[in-house]
Protein backbone atom coordinates (compact mmCIF):
# COMPACT_ATOMS: atom_id res chain seq x y z
CA MET A 1 45.32 5.06 115.72
CA THR A 2 42.64 3.95 117.83
CA ASP A 3 43.42 3.44 121.57
CA HIS A 4 41.80 -0.02 122.10
CA SER A 5 42.98 0.01 125.96
CA ARG A 6 40.31 2.38 126.94
CA SER A 7 37.59 1.19 129.04
CA PRO A 8 33.92 1.85 127.90
CA GLN A 9 32.88 5.06 129.75
CA PRO A 10 29.38 5.63 131.28
CA SER A 11 28.68 8.22 128.47
CA ASP A 12 29.17 5.43 125.88
CA GLY A 13 25.99 3.76 127.10
CA PRO A 14 22.53 4.66 126.06
CA GLU A 15 21.47 8.06 127.20
CA GLY A 16 24.78 8.68 129.18
CA GLY A 17 24.05 5.59 131.39
CA ALA A 18 25.94 2.58 131.98
CA SER A 19 26.06 0.05 129.23
CA PRO A 20 24.79 -3.56 129.12
CA ALA A 21 28.41 -4.58 129.73
CA ASP A 22 28.82 -2.89 132.90
CA SER A 23 26.17 -5.38 134.40
CA VAL A 24 27.02 -8.53 135.98
CA GLY A 25 24.13 -10.79 136.51
CA GLY A 26 20.57 -10.02 137.72
CA ALA A 27 17.91 -8.14 136.01
CA VAL A 28 17.85 -4.52 135.58
CA HIS A 29 14.62 -2.75 136.87
CA PRO A 30 13.54 0.46 135.41
CA GLU A 31 14.48 2.23 138.39
CA GLY A 32 18.03 1.09 137.88
CA LYS A 33 18.18 -1.50 140.72
CA THR A 34 19.72 -4.75 139.98
CA THR A 35 18.33 -7.94 142.00
CA ARG A 36 20.07 -11.58 142.14
CA PRO A 37 18.02 -14.74 142.18
CA GLY A 38 16.49 -15.35 145.66
CA GLU A 39 17.11 -11.61 146.85
CA GLN A 40 14.32 -9.87 148.48
CA SER A 41 13.58 -6.86 146.31
CA ALA A 42 10.41 -5.49 148.12
CA PRO A 43 9.60 -4.91 151.87
CA ALA A 44 8.41 -8.13 153.55
CA MET A 45 5.08 -6.40 154.62
CA ASP A 46 4.24 -5.85 150.86
CA THR A 47 4.29 -9.51 150.27
CA HIS A 48 2.77 -10.87 153.26
CA PRO A 49 -0.29 -8.90 154.05
CA THR A 50 -1.36 -9.44 157.64
CA ASP A 51 -5.02 -9.01 158.99
CA ASP A 52 -5.93 -7.20 161.92
CA GLU A 53 -6.54 -10.22 164.14
CA ALA A 54 -2.99 -11.59 163.35
CA ARG A 55 -1.58 -8.01 164.10
CA ILE A 56 -3.62 -8.08 167.70
CA ALA A 57 -2.37 -11.43 168.31
CA GLY A 58 1.34 -10.28 167.58
CA VAL A 59 0.95 -7.37 169.76
CA VAL A 60 -0.47 -9.41 172.73
CA VAL A 61 2.45 -12.06 172.40
CA GLN A 62 5.01 -9.16 172.43
CA THR A 63 3.37 -7.47 175.37
CA ARG A 64 3.23 -10.55 177.48
CA ALA A 65 6.80 -11.16 177.08
CA ASP A 66 7.72 -7.51 177.73
CA VAL A 67 5.32 -6.76 180.63
CA GLY A 68 3.34 -9.88 181.37
CA ASP A 69 4.19 -9.57 185.10
CA ALA A 70 3.08 -6.09 185.44
CA SER A 71 -0.44 -4.81 186.92
CA GLU A 72 -3.52 -5.14 184.49
CA GLU A 73 -3.75 -1.38 184.09
CA ARG A 74 0.08 -1.16 183.22
CA ILE A 75 -0.53 -4.00 180.72
CA ALA A 76 -3.72 -2.02 179.40
CA ASP A 77 -1.60 1.15 178.85
CA VAL A 78 1.19 -0.69 176.98
CA LEU A 79 -1.53 -2.47 174.70
CA ARG A 80 -3.11 0.94 174.03
CA GLN A 81 0.05 2.48 172.92
CA ARG A 82 1.07 -0.52 170.86
CA PHE A 83 -2.26 -0.67 169.17
CA SER A 84 -2.01 3.16 168.37
CA ASP A 85 1.53 2.62 166.93
CA VAL A 86 0.17 -0.08 164.61
CA GLY A 87 -2.85 1.80 163.60
CA LEU A 88 -5.40 -0.39 165.34
CA ASP A 89 -8.34 1.56 167.35
CA LEU A 90 -9.41 -1.06 169.73
CA GLY A 91 -12.32 -0.26 171.92
CA ASP A 92 -11.56 0.11 175.95
CA ASP A 93 -13.62 -3.15 176.71
CA ARG A 94 -11.33 -5.25 174.18
CA ILE A 95 -8.17 -3.73 175.54
CA ARG A 96 -9.13 -4.60 179.10
CA ALA A 97 -10.00 -8.22 178.16
CA LEU A 98 -6.66 -8.71 176.22
CA ALA A 99 -4.72 -7.03 179.30
CA ALA A 100 -6.54 -9.64 181.61
CA GLU A 101 -5.56 -12.31 179.17
CA VAL A 102 -1.73 -11.07 179.13
CA SER A 103 -2.00 -11.07 182.88
CA ALA A 104 -3.12 -14.67 183.26
CA GLY A 105 -0.34 -15.65 181.48
């Protein structure tokens, strides 16, 4: 007599993996990941590339919010570090000009 109360086991599926009956909605990716409609399945940075000028503007806005009332030299130091962190190599003249802009408010 066959036992019909037994649930399908992972080994019952293709190559010992889960069977299609084990999936509930969403698409199954080759890596085995399941997504749902409207779900973000990739890093946002990969889907929305940003040019260097937009990255510079973002660093300037954040620096103004964080240390906008500091001396221009301190602001320049913070800008140098932040641009280094995001992989941008700006010349000292550009950094000093941006520091003056941040300091001016």
